[in-house]
PDB file of N, CA and C in Angstrom:
ATOM      1  N   UNK A   1     188.526 222.797 -26.004  1.00  0.00           N
ATOM      2  CA  UNK A   1     189.049 224.053 -26.469  1.00  0.00           C
ATOM      3  C   UNK A   1     189.164 225.065 -25.326  1.00  0.00           C
ATOM      4  N   UNK A   2     188.175 225.072 -24.453  1.00  0.00           N
ATOM      5  CA  UNK A   2     188.209 226.014 -23.331  1.00  0.00           C
ATOM      6  C   UNK A   2     189.398 225.729 -22.416  1.00  0.00           C
ATOM      7  N   UNK A   3     189.654 224.459 -22.150  1.00  0.00           N
ATOM      8  CA  UNK A   3     190.771 224.111 -21.275  1.00  0.00           C
ATOM      9  C   UNK A   3     192.089 224.544 -21.893  1.00  0.00           C
ATOM     10  N   UNK A   4     192.270 224.289 -23.178  1.00  0.00           N
ATOM     11  CA  UNK A   4     193.493 224.728 -23.868  1.00  0.00           C
ATOM     12  C   UNK A   4     193.629 226.238 -23.798  1.00  0.00           C
ATOM     13  N   UNK A   5     192.554 226.960 -24.031  1.00  0.00           N
ATOM     14  CA  UNK A   5     192.594 228.417 -23.996  1.00  0.00           C
ATOM     15  C   UNK A   5     192.978 228.915 -22.608  1.00  0.00           C
ATOM     16  N   UNK A   6     192.407 228.320 -21.575  1.00  0.00           N
ATOM     17  CA  UNK A   6     192.735 228.747 -20.217  1.00  0.00           C
ATOM     18  C   UNK A   6     194.217 228.546 -19.912  1.00  0.00           C
ATOM     19  N   UNK A   7     194.763 227.415 -20.312  1.00  0.00           N
ATOM     20  CA  UNK A   7     196.167 227.149 -20.045  1.00  0.00           C
ATOM     21  C   UNK A   7     197.083 227.985 -20.936  1.00  0.00           C
ATOM     22  N   UNK A   8     196.764 228.078 -22.215  1.00  0.00           N
ATOM     23  CA  UNK A   8     197.663 228.742 -23.166  1.00  0.00           C
ATOM     24  C   UNK A   8     197.549 230.263 -23.160  1.00  0.00           C
ATOM     25  N   UNK A   9     196.341 230.785 -23.061  1.00  0.00           N
ATOM     26  CA  UNK A   9     196.148 232.231 -23.172  1.00  0.00           C
ATOM     27  C   UNK A   9     196.017 232.946 -21.834  1.00  0.00           C
ATOM     28  N   UNK A  10     195.533 232.249 -20.846  1.00  0.00           N
ATOM     29  CA  UNK A  10     195.301 232.882 -19.549  1.00  0.00           C
ATOM     30  C   UNK A  10     196.289 232.420 -18.488  1.00  0.00           C
ATOM     31  N   UNK A  11     197.228 231.555 -18.876  1.00  0.00           N
ATOM     32  CA  UNK A  11     198.266 231.066 -17.964  1.00  0.00           C
ATOM     33  C   UNK A  11     197.704 230.407 -16.702  1.00  0.00           C
ATOM     34  N   UNK A  12     196.595 229.696 -16.860  1.00  0.00           N
ATOM     35  CA  UNK A  12     196.022 228.978 -15.717  1.00  0.00           C
ATOM     36  C   UNK A  12     196.978 227.880 -15.275  1.00  0.00           C
ATOM     37  N   UNK A  13     197.013 227.644 -14.002  1.00  0.00           N
ATOM     38  CA  UNK A  13     197.824 226.571 -13.422  1.00  0.00           C
ATOM     39  C   UNK A  13     196.977 225.316 -13.254  1.00  0.00           C
ATOM     40  N   UNK A  14     195.686 225.519 -13.058  1.00  0.00           N
ATOM     41  CA  UNK A  14     194.760 224.429 -12.767  1.00  0.00           C
ATOM     42  C   UNK A  14     193.394 224.779 -13.345  1.00  0.00           C
ATOM     43  N   UNK A  15     192.720 223.785 -13.889  1.00  0.00           N
ATOM     44  CA  UNK A  15     191.339 223.952 -14.341  1.00  0.00           C
ATOM     45  C   UNK A  15     190.512 222.880 -13.648  1.00  0.00           C
ATOM     46  N   UNK A  16     189.391 223.283 -13.094  1.00  0.00           N
ATOM     47  CA  UNK A  16     188.533 222.310 -12.440  1.00  0.00           C
ATOM     48  C   UNK A  16     187.144 222.363 -13.057  1.00  0.00           C
ATOM     49  N   UNK A  17     186.439 221.249 -12.940  1.00  0.00           N
ATOM     50  CA  UNK A  17     185.088 221.139 -13.472  1.00  0.00           C
ATOM     51  C   UNK A  17     184.285 220.261 -12.535  1.00  0.00           C
ATOM     52  N   UNK A  18     183.036 220.590 -12.404  1.00  0.00           N
ATOM     53  CA  UNK A  18     182.166 219.791 -11.562  1.00  0.00           C
ATOM     54  C   UNK A  18     180.911 219.399 -12.307  1.00  0.00           C
ATOM     55  N   UNK A  19     180.301 218.326 -11.867  1.00  0.00           N
ATOM     56  CA  UNK A  19     179.056 217.858 -12.455  1.00  0.00           C
ATOM     57  C   UNK A  19     178.279 217.065 -11.422  1.00  0.00           C
ATOM     58  N   UNK A  20     177.020 216.838 -11.699  1.00  0.00           N
ATOM     59  CA  UNK A  20     176.189 215.978 -10.855  1.00  0.00           C
ATOM     60  C   UNK A  20     176.845 214.604 -10.800  1.00  0.00           C
ATOM     61  N   UNK A  21     176.935 214.039  -9.637  1.00  0.00           N
ATOM     62  CA  UNK A  21     177.599 212.746  -9.471  1.00  0.00           C
ATOM     63  C   UNK A  21     176.957 211.666 -10.361  1.00  0.00           C
ATOM     64  N   UNK A  22     175.703 211.818 -10.696  1.00  0.00           N
ATOM     65  CA  UNK A  22     175.010 210.849 -11.535  1.00  0.00           C
ATOM     66  C   UNK A  22     175.121 211.115 -13.030  1.00  0.00           C
ATOM     67  N   UNK A  23     175.823 212.167 -13.420  1.00  0.00           N
ATOM     68  CA  UNK A  23     175.964 212.514 -14.840  1.00  0.00           C
ATOM     69  C   UNK A  23     177.128 211.715 -15.430  1.00  0.00           C
ATOM     70  N   UNK A  24     176.869 210.469 -15.708  1.00  0.00           N
ATOM     71  CA  UNK A  24     177.908 209.546 -16.173  1.00  0.00           C
ATOM     72  C   UNK A  24     178.558 210.021 -17.459  1.00  0.00           C
ATOM     73  N   UNK A  25     177.786 210.524 -18.398  1.00  0.00           N
ATOM     74  CA  UNK A  25     178.342 210.958 -19.684  1.00  0.00           C
ATOM     75  C   UNK A  25     179.377 212.067 -19.496  1.00  0.00           C
ATOM     76  N   UNK A  26     179.061 213.057 -18.682  1.00  0.00           N
ATOM     77  CA  UNK A  26     180.001 214.157 -18.453  1.00  0.00           C
ATOM     78  C   UNK A  26     181.231 213.673 -17.712  1.00  0.00           C
ATOM     79  N   UNK A  27     181.045 212.785 -16.782  1.00  0.00           N
ATOM     80  CA  UNK A  27     182.182 212.257 -16.021  1.00  0.00           C
ATOM     81  C   UNK A  27     183.126 211.489 -16.942  1.00  0.00           C
ATOM     82  N   UNK A  28     182.580 210.724 -17.884  1.00  0.00           N
ATOM     83  CA  UNK A  28     183.406 209.993 -18.848  1.00  0.00           C
ATOM     84  C   UNK A  28     184.184 210.971 -19.716  1.00  0.00           C
ATOM     85  N   UNK A  29     183.548 212.038 -20.178  1.00  0.00           N
ATOM     86  CA  UNK A  29     184.231 213.045 -20.995  1.00  0.00           C
ATOM     87  C   UNK A  29     185.394 213.652 -20.221  1.00  0.00           C
ATOM     88  N   UNK A  30     185.148 214.074 -18.987  1.00  0.00           N
ATOM     89  CA  UNK A  30     186.213 214.679 -18.183  1.00  0.00           C
ATOM     90  C   UNK A  30     187.375 213.710 -17.988  1.00  0.00           C
ATOM     91  N   UNK A  31     187.071 212.461 -17.704  1.00  0.00           N
ATOM     92  CA  UNK A  31     188.138 211.471 -17.494  1.00  0.00           C
ATOM     93  C   UNK A  31     188.913 211.207 -18.781  1.00  0.00           C
ATOM     94  N   UNK A  32     188.236 211.180 -19.927  1.00  0.00           N
ATOM     95  CA  UNK A  32     188.934 210.987 -21.212  1.00  0.00           C
ATOM     96  C   UNK A  32     189.841 212.169 -21.534  1.00  0.00           C
ATOM     97  N   UNK A  33     189.464 213.350 -21.075  1.00  0.00           N
ATOM     98  CA  UNK A  33     190.296 214.534 -21.289  1.00  0.00           C
ATOM     99  C   UNK A  33     191.487 214.591 -20.332  1.00  0.00           C
ATOM    100  N   UNK A  34     191.498 213.715 -19.341  1.00  0.00           N
ATOM    101  CA  UNK A  34     192.614 213.679 -18.411  1.00  0.00           C
ATOM    102  C   UNK A  34     192.337 214.298 -17.059  1.00  0.00           C
ATOM    103  N   UNK A  35     191.130 214.803 -16.858  1.00  0.00           N
ATOM    104  CA  UNK A  35     190.774 215.348 -15.547  1.00  0.00           C
ATOM    105  C   UNK A  35     190.717 214.202 -14.543  1.00  0.00           C
ATOM    106  N   UNK A  36     191.134 214.481 -13.327  1.00  0.00           N
ATOM    107  CA  UNK A  36     191.127 213.468 -12.273  1.00  0.00           C
ATOM    108  C   UNK A  36     190.051 213.804 -11.246  1.00  0.00           C
ATOM    109  N   UNK A  37     189.356 212.773 -10.796  1.00  0.00           N
ATOM    110  CA  UNK A  37     188.350 212.954  -9.759  1.00  0.00           C
ATOM    111  C   UNK A  37     189.055 213.338  -8.465  1.00  0.00           C
ATOM    112  N   UNK A  38     188.671 214.463  -7.907  1.00  0.00           N
ATOM    113  CA  UNK A  38     189.260 214.918  -6.652  1.00  0.00           C
ATOM    114  C   UNK A  38     188.361 214.641  -5.462  1.00  0.00           C
ATOM    115  N   UNK A  39     187.088 214.441  -5.728  1.00  0.00           N
ATOM    116  CA  UNK A  39     186.211 214.116  -4.613  1.00  0.00           C
ATOM    117  C   UNK A  39     184.752 214.286  -4.950  1.00  0.00           C
ATOM    118  N   UNK A  40     183.932 213.763  -4.061  1.00  0.00           N
ATOM    119  CA  UNK A  40     182.487 213.895  -4.160  1.00  0.00           C
ATOM    120  C   UNK A  40     182.056 214.943  -3.131  1.00  0.00           C
ATOM    121  N   UNK A  41     181.340 215.929  -3.608  1.00  0.00           N
ATOM    122  CA  UNK A  41     180.854 217.005  -2.742  1.00  0.00           C
ATOM    123  C   UNK A  41     179.409 216.674  -2.355  1.00  0.00           C
ATOM    124  N   UNK A  42     179.228 216.233  -1.135  1.00  0.00           N
ATOM    125  CA  UNK A  42     177.900 215.812  -0.689  1.00  0.00           C
ATOM    126  C   UNK A  42     176.961 216.998  -0.542  1.00  0.00           C
ATOM    127  N   UNK A  43     175.742 216.840  -1.054  1.00  0.00           N
ATOM    128  CA  UNK A  43     174.729 217.880  -0.933  1.00  0.00           C
ATOM    129  C   UNK A  43     175.102 219.176  -1.625  1.00  0.00           C
ATOM    130  N   UNK A  44     175.910 219.090  -2.659  1.00  0.00           N
ATOM    131  CA  UNK A  44     176.478 220.271  -3.313  1.00  0.00           C
ATOM    132  C   UNK A  44     175.434 221.115  -4.049  1.00  0.00           C
ATOM    133  N   UNK A  45     174.492 220.466  -4.685  1.00  0.00           N
ATOM    134  CA  UNK A  45     173.512 221.193  -5.479  1.00  0.00           C
ATOM    135  C   UNK A  45     172.100 220.802  -5.098  1.00  0.00           C
ATOM    136  N   UNK A  46     171.146 221.394  -5.808  1.00  0.00           N
ATOM    137  CA  UNK A  46     169.743 221.082  -5.542  1.00  0.00           C
ATOM    138  C   UNK A  46     168.990 221.014  -6.861  1.00  0.00           C
ATOM    139  N   UNK A  47     167.986 220.144  -6.886  1.00  0.00           N
ATOM    140  CA  UNK A  47     167.120 220.047  -8.055  1.00  0.00           C
ATOM    141  C   UNK A  47     166.054 221.129  -7.973  1.00  0.00           C
ATOM    142  N   UNK A  48     165.235 221.210  -8.989  1.00  0.00           N
ATOM    143  CA  UNK A  48     164.153 222.194  -8.997  1.00  0.00           C
ATOM    144  C   UNK A  48     163.162 221.962  -7.859  1.00  0.00           C
ATOM    145  N   UNK A  49     163.106 220.712  -7.379  1.00  0.00           N
ATOM    146  CA  UNK A  49     162.217 220.382  -6.259  1.00  0.00           C
ATOM    147  C   UNK A  49     162.929 220.501  -4.904  1.00  0.00           C
ATOM    148  N   UNK A  50     164.133 221.057  -4.928  1.00  0.00           N
ATOM    149  CA  UNK A  50     164.949 221.298  -3.731  1.00  0.00           C
ATOM    150  C   UNK A  50     165.547 220.044  -3.121  1.00  0.00           C
ATOM    151  N   UNK A  51     165.523 218.937  -3.872  1.00  0.00           N
ATOM    152  CA  UNK A  51     166.197 217.722  -3.417  1.00  0.00           C
ATOM    153  C   UNK A  51     167.703 217.949  -3.538  1.00  0.00           C
ATOM    154  N   UNK A  52     168.448 217.665  -2.488  1.00  0.00           N
ATOM    155  CA  UNK A  52     169.897 217.863  -2.504  1.00  0.00           C
ATOM    156  C   UNK A  52     170.558 216.770  -3.338  1.00  0.00           C
ATOM    157  N   UNK A  53     171.549 217.152  -4.136  1.00  0.00           N
ATOM    158  CA  UNK A  53     172.274 216.199  -4.968  1.00  0.00           C
ATOM    159  C   UNK A  53     173.772 216.353  -4.723  1.00  0.00           C
ATOM    160  N   UNK A  54     174.493 215.279  -4.946  1.00  0.00           N
ATOM    161  CA  UNK A  54     175.944 215.285  -4.777  1.00  0.00           C
ATOM    162  C   UNK A  54     176.608 215.697  -6.084  1.00  0.00           C
ATOM    163  N   UNK A  55     177.778 216.281  -5.968  1.00  0.00           N
ATOM    164  CA  UNK A  55     178.546 216.689  -7.137  1.00  0.00           C
ATOM    165  C   UNK A  55     179.897 215.994  -7.160  1.00  0.00           C
ATOM    166  N   UNK A  56     180.421 215.807  -8.361  1.00  0.00           N
ATOM    167  CA  UNK A  56     181.751 215.224  -8.538  1.00  0.00           C
ATOM    168  C   UNK A  56     182.683 216.345  -9.002  1.00  0.00           C
ATOM    169  N   UNK A  57     183.796 216.528  -8.300  1.00  0.00           N
ATOM    170  CA  UNK A  57     184.760 217.572  -8.629  1.00  0.00           C
ATOM    171  C   UNK A  57     185.974 216.958  -9.313  1.00  0.00           C
ATOM    172  N   UNK A  58     186.296 217.470 -10.492  1.00  0.00           N
ATOM    173  CA  UNK A  58     187.440 217.019 -11.283  1.00  0.00           C
ATOM    174  C   UNK A  58     188.385 218.189 -11.508  1.00  0.00           C
ATOM    175  N   UNK A  59     189.676 217.886 -11.728  1.00  0.00           N
ATOM    176  CA  UNK A  59     190.642 218.933 -12.040  1.00  0.00           C
ATOM    177  C   UNK A  59     191.791 218.356 -12.849  1.00  0.00           C
ATOM    178  N   UNK A  60     192.472 219.256 -13.556  1.00  0.00           N
ATOM    179  CA  UNK A  60     193.689 218.903 -14.284  1.00  0.00           C
ATOM    180  C   UNK A  60     194.655 220.076 -14.147  1.00  0.00           C
ATOM    181  N   UNK A  61     195.936 219.759 -14.040  1.00  0.00           N
ATOM    182  CA  UNK A  61     196.977 220.779 -13.924  1.00  0.00           C
ATOM    183  C   UNK A  61     197.574 221.060 -15.295  1.00  0.00           C
ATOM    184  N   UNK A  62     198.142 222.235 -15.445  1.00  0.00           N
ATOM    185  CA  UNK A  62     198.722 222.652 -16.717  1.00  0.00           C
ATOM    186  C   UNK A  62     199.738 221.635 -17.238  1.00  0.00           C
ATOM    187  N   UNK A  63     200.647 221.171 -16.397  1.00  0.00           N
ATOM    188  CA  UNK A  63     201.679 220.220 -16.839  1.00  0.00           C
ATOM    189  C   UNK A  63     201.049 218.917 -17.333  1.00  0.00           C
ATOM    190  N   UNK A  64     199.985 218.479 -16.677  1.00  0.00           N
ATOM    191  CA  UNK A  64     199.301 217.257 -17.105  1.00  0.00           C
ATOM    192  C   UNK A  64     198.629 217.463 -18.455  1.00  0.00           C
ATOM    193  N   UNK A  65     197.985 218.608 -18.624  1.00  0.00           N
ATOM    194  CA  UNK A  65     197.282 218.914 -19.868  1.00  0.00           C
ATOM    195  C   UNK A  65     198.258 219.001 -21.045  1.00  0.00           C
ATOM    196  N   UNK A  66     199.342 219.742 -20.864  1.00  0.00           N
ATOM    197  CA  UNK A  66     200.280 219.920 -21.977  1.00  0.00           C
ATOM    198  C   UNK A  66     200.958 218.605 -22.340  1.00  0.00           C
ATOM    199  N   UNK A  67     201.226 217.756 -21.360  1.00  0.00           N
ATOM    200  CA  UNK A  67     201.791 216.443 -21.650  1.00  0.00           C
ATOM    201  C   UNK A  67     200.809 215.628 -22.478  1.00  0.00           C
ATOM    202  N   UNK A  68     199.535 215.653 -22.124  1.00  0.00           N
ATOM    203  CA  UNK A  68     198.509 214.921 -22.869  1.00  0.00           C
ATOM    204  C   UNK A  68     198.334 215.466 -24.278  1.00  0.00           C
ATOM    205  N   UNK A  69     198.601 216.750 -24.466  1.00  0.00           N
ATOM    206  CA  UNK A  69     198.449 217.380 -25.776  1.00  0.00           C
ATOM    207  C   UNK A  69     199.704 217.239 -26.641  1.00  0.00           C
ATOM    208  N   UNK A  70     200.731 216.570 -26.115  1.00  0.00           N
ATOM    209  CA  UNK A  70     201.959 216.368 -26.870  1.00  0.00           C
ATOM    210  C   UNK A  70     202.890 217.570 -26.870  1.00  0.00           C
ATOM    211  N   UNK A  71     202.772 218.396 -25.838  1.00  0.00           N
ATOM    212  CA  UNK A  71     203.606 219.578 -25.721  1.00  0.00           C
ATOM    213  C   UNK A  71     204.449 219.467 -24.467  1.00  0.00           C
ATOM    214  N   UNK A  72     205.515 220.235 -24.428  1.00  0.00           N
ATOM    215  CA  UNK A  72     206.257 220.358 -23.179  1.00  0.00           C
ATOM    216  C   UNK A  72     205.481 221.332 -22.288  1.00  0.00           C
ATOM    217  N   UNK A  73     205.712 221.346 -20.983  1.00  0.00           N
ATOM    218  CA  UNK A  73     205.001 222.284 -20.107  1.00  0.00           C
ATOM    219  C   UNK A  73     205.191 223.755 -20.457  1.00  0.00           C
ATOM    220  N   UNK A  74     206.193 224.081 -21.262  1.00  0.00           N
ATOM    221  CA  UNK A  74     206.397 225.480 -21.659  1.00  0.00           C
ATOM    222  C   UNK A  74     205.617 225.818 -22.921  1.00  0.00           C
ATOM    223  N   UNK A  75     204.920 224.842 -23.516  1.00  0.00           N
ATOM    224  CA  UNK A  75     204.107 225.110 -24.689  1.00  0.00           C
ATOM    225  C   UNK A  75     204.759 224.741 -26.005  1.00  0.00           C
ATOM    226  N   UNK A  76     205.974 224.222 -25.975  1.00  0.00           N
ATOM    227  CA  UNK A  76     206.671 223.834 -27.207  1.00  0.00           C
ATOM    228  C   UNK A  76     206.266 222.426 -27.624  1.00  0.00           C
ATOM    229  N   UNK A  77     205.969 222.235 -28.907  1.00  0.00           N
ATOM    230  CA  UNK A  77     205.628 220.912 -29.422  1.00  0.00           C
ATOM    231  C   UNK A  77     206.867 220.176 -29.834  1.00  0.00           C
TER     232      UNK A  77
END
C-alpha cells in the first residue's frame, strides 16, 4: 500500500527499500512485489553489539510498478 501511495499520490519516480542481507523473509516479499536487487551494501548497519552487518538494497520504478499492478504508466487501468 505504501508503494502504491508513493507512486500514485506523491508522484514518486522510484521507491527503494533496504534490509539486512540475512533477512530472507523480507527479501522474498520485496522480490514478489517486483523490487529488484540493486546491490549489497557491505558493513551498512550494526547490531546492538556493534557487529557490522551487510544490507541488501532493492528498488522499483514507477513504470515497473504500474505495469505489475495492471495499469498503464499514466495510472489508467
